Amino acid sequence: MPDLFTRSELEAYPPPVSVPEETAALVLSLVTAEIRAVVGADRYDRLTDLSPLKAVALALARRMVDHPGGRRSTSRSVDDYTETDTWAVESLAPAELTAGEVERIRRAVGLPTGGAFTIRPGAPVRPAACGPAWRRC
């Protein structure tokens, strides 16, 4: 079975970055496991074309590599303004798909994307202290 992405594709994903071979292999393994869990092991193993999943896989992989918690140090200067960030490449963000990415994956492999409705936060609720609905607060 082909891989979801290659190291060169991961490095070329905007903005370009250099990723060590071991880190790229680990990220590929974690991303594959996460997507495989959404699709289901049997269905994933039967897939012959992984190209519909490539964009989601690369986006997740880059979020893992560009881990803001992996920042080692930041230095800034005032005169002639300079800014330097040092990153720890061995520190990865967790492999967590967003709800939208899960929906895209499920749609790409022909799985239902959800029920009759989706529960998402709506408008803020007025406090009970405001009184009846016909009275303004």
Protein backbone atom coordinates (compact mmCIF):
# COMPACT_ATOMS: atom_id res chain seq x y z
CA MET A 1 0.00 0.00 0.00
CA PRO A 2 1.34 3.49 -0.82
CA ASP A 3 2.04 6.04 1.89
CA LEU A 4 -0.24 9.03 2.49
CA PHE A 5 2.64 11.41 1.74
CA THR A 6 6.40 11.47 1.29
CA ARG A 7 9.02 13.38 3.21
CA SER A 8 9.59 15.70 0.23
CA GLU A 9 5.85 16.47 0.06
CA LEU A 10 5.86 17.25 3.79
CA GLU A 11 8.87 19.53 3.43
CA ALA A 12 7.37 21.31 0.39
CA TYR A 13 3.99 21.95 2.03
CA PRO A 14 3.82 25.75 2.53
CA PRO A 15 5.88 27.21 4.08
CA PRO A 16 8.81 24.95 3.10
CA VAL A 17 10.71 23.44 6.01
CA SER A 18 13.43 20.84 6.56
CA VAL A 19 12.29 17.72 8.42
CA PRO A 20 14.72 15.00 9.55
CA GLU A 21 14.07 11.53 8.07
CA GLU A 22 13.23 9.97 11.46
CA THR A 23 10.79 12.77 12.32
CA ALA A 24 9.09 12.46 8.93
CA ALA A 25 8.72 8.69 9.41
CA LEU A 26 7.24 9.16 12.89
CA VAL A 27 4.82 11.85 11.69
CA LEU A 28 3.72 9.65 8.77
CA SER A 29 3.10 6.76 11.15
CA LEU A 30 1.05 8.86 13.60
CA VAL A 31 -0.98 10.57 10.87
CA THR A 32 -1.69 7.24 9.18
CA ALA A 33 -2.86 5.73 12.49
CA GLU A 34 -5.16 8.69 13.14
CA ILE A 35 -6.75 8.58 9.68
CA ARG A 36 -6.95 4.77 9.79
CA ALA A 37 -8.90 5.03 13.06
CA VAL A 38 -11.45 7.35 11.42
CA VAL A 39 -11.86 5.22 8.29
CA GLY A 40 -11.68 1.84 10.03
CA ALA A 41 -8.79 -0.60 9.71
CA ASP A 42 -10.47 -2.98 7.25
CA ARG A 43 -11.75 -0.23 4.97
CA TYR A 44 -8.42 1.64 5.07
CA ASP A 45 -6.47 -1.51 4.18
CA ARG A 46 -8.72 -2.05 1.14
CA LEU A 47 -8.14 1.48 -0.22
CA THR A 48 -6.05 1.52 -3.39
CA ASP A 49 -6.05 5.28 -3.96
CA LEU A 50 -5.08 7.47 -0.99
CA SER A 51 -4.96 10.73 -2.97
CA PRO A 52 -8.33 12.01 -1.60
CA LEU A 53 -6.82 11.82 1.90
CA LYS A 54 -3.48 13.47 1.05
CA ALA A 55 -4.49 17.10 1.70
CA VAL A 56 -5.87 16.32 5.16
CA ALA A 57 -2.85 14.13 5.97
CA LEU A 58 -0.38 16.84 4.97
CA ALA A 59 -2.25 19.55 6.89
CA LEU A 60 -2.20 17.41 10.05
CA ALA A 61 1.45 16.51 9.54
CA ARG A 62 2.48 20.16 9.21
CA ARG A 63 0.54 21.10 12.36
CA MET A 64 2.49 18.40 14.15
CA VAL A 65 5.86 19.57 12.83
CA ASP A 66 5.14 23.29 13.32
CA HIS A 67 4.34 22.71 16.99
CA PRO A 68 4.25 26.07 18.82
CA GLY A 69 4.85 24.27 22.11
CA GLY A 70 8.18 23.12 20.70
CA ARG A 71 9.64 26.63 20.82
CA ARG A 72 12.91 26.53 22.71
CA SER A 73 13.71 30.22 22.81
CA THR A 74 12.72 33.58 21.42
CA SER A 75 14.93 36.65 21.28
CA ARG A 76 14.01 40.10 20.14
CA SER A 77 16.00 43.32 19.78
CA VAL A 78 14.65 46.85 19.70
CA ASP A 79 17.28 48.75 17.68
CA ASP A 80 17.43 47.60 14.06
CA TYR A 81 14.58 45.27 14.99
CA THR A 82 15.58 41.60 14.84
CA GLU A 83 13.55 38.61 15.87
CA THR A 84 14.77 35.03 16.30
CA ASP A 85 12.86 31.90 17.26
CA THR A 86 14.58 28.58 17.93
CA TRP A 87 12.44 25.48 17.50
CA ALA A 88 12.92 21.98 18.85
CA VAL A 89 12.26 19.66 15.91
CA GLU A 90 12.03 16.65 18.21
CA SER A 91 8.92 18.11 19.86
CA LEU A 92 5.74 17.31 17.95
CA ALA A 93 2.17 18.45 18.43
CA PRO A 94 -0.34 15.66 18.98
CA ALA A 95 -1.92 13.99 15.95
CA GLU A 96 -5.44 15.34 16.39
CA LEU A 97 -7.84 15.80 13.50
CA THR A 98 -10.34 18.64 13.55
CA ALA A 99 -14.06 17.91 13.21
CA GLY A 100 -13.96 19.33 9.68
CA GLU A 101 -11.06 17.07 8.71
CA VAL A 102 -12.87 14.01 10.07
CA GLU A 103 -15.88 14.97 7.98
CA ARG A 104 -13.70 15.40 4.86
CA ILE A 105 -12.08 11.99 5.42
CA ARG A 106 -15.41 10.25 5.92
CA ARG A 107 -16.83 11.91 2.80
CA ALA A 108 -13.72 10.97 0.76
CA VAL A 109 -14.08 7.25 1.56
CA GLY A 110 -17.86 7.15 1.22
CA LEU A 111 -18.83 7.02 4.90
CA PRO A 112 -21.77 8.99 6.29
CA THR A 113 -20.62 12.32 7.69
CA GLY A 114 -23.12 12.66 10.49
CA GLY A 115 -26.68 12.40 11.65
CA ALA A 116 -29.67 14.56 10.94
CA PHE A 117 -28.12 17.48 12.76
CA THR A 118 -24.90 18.58 14.40
CA ILE A 119 -24.71 20.11 17.84
CA ARG A 120 -22.48 23.16 17.82
CA PRO A 121 -22.36 26.20 20.10
CA GLY A 122 -24.90 28.80 19.09
CA ALA A 123 -25.72 32.31 20.19
CA PRO A 124 -25.05 33.17 23.83
CA VAL A 125 -27.93 32.39 26.17
CA ARG A 126 -29.46 35.26 28.13
CA PRO A 127 -29.00 34.91 31.87
CA ALA A 128 -32.09 33.77 33.82
CA ALA A 129 -31.96 37.01 35.82
CA CYS A 130 -33.26 38.89 32.77
CA GLY A 131 -36.81 37.73 33.41
CA PRO A 132 -39.40 36.59 30.89
CA ALA A 133 -38.54 36.52 27.19
CA TRP A 134 -40.88 39.45 26.42
CA ARG A 135 -39.04 41.77 28.87
CA ARG A 136 -35.74 43.33 27.85
CA CYS A 137 -32.73 43.19 30.14
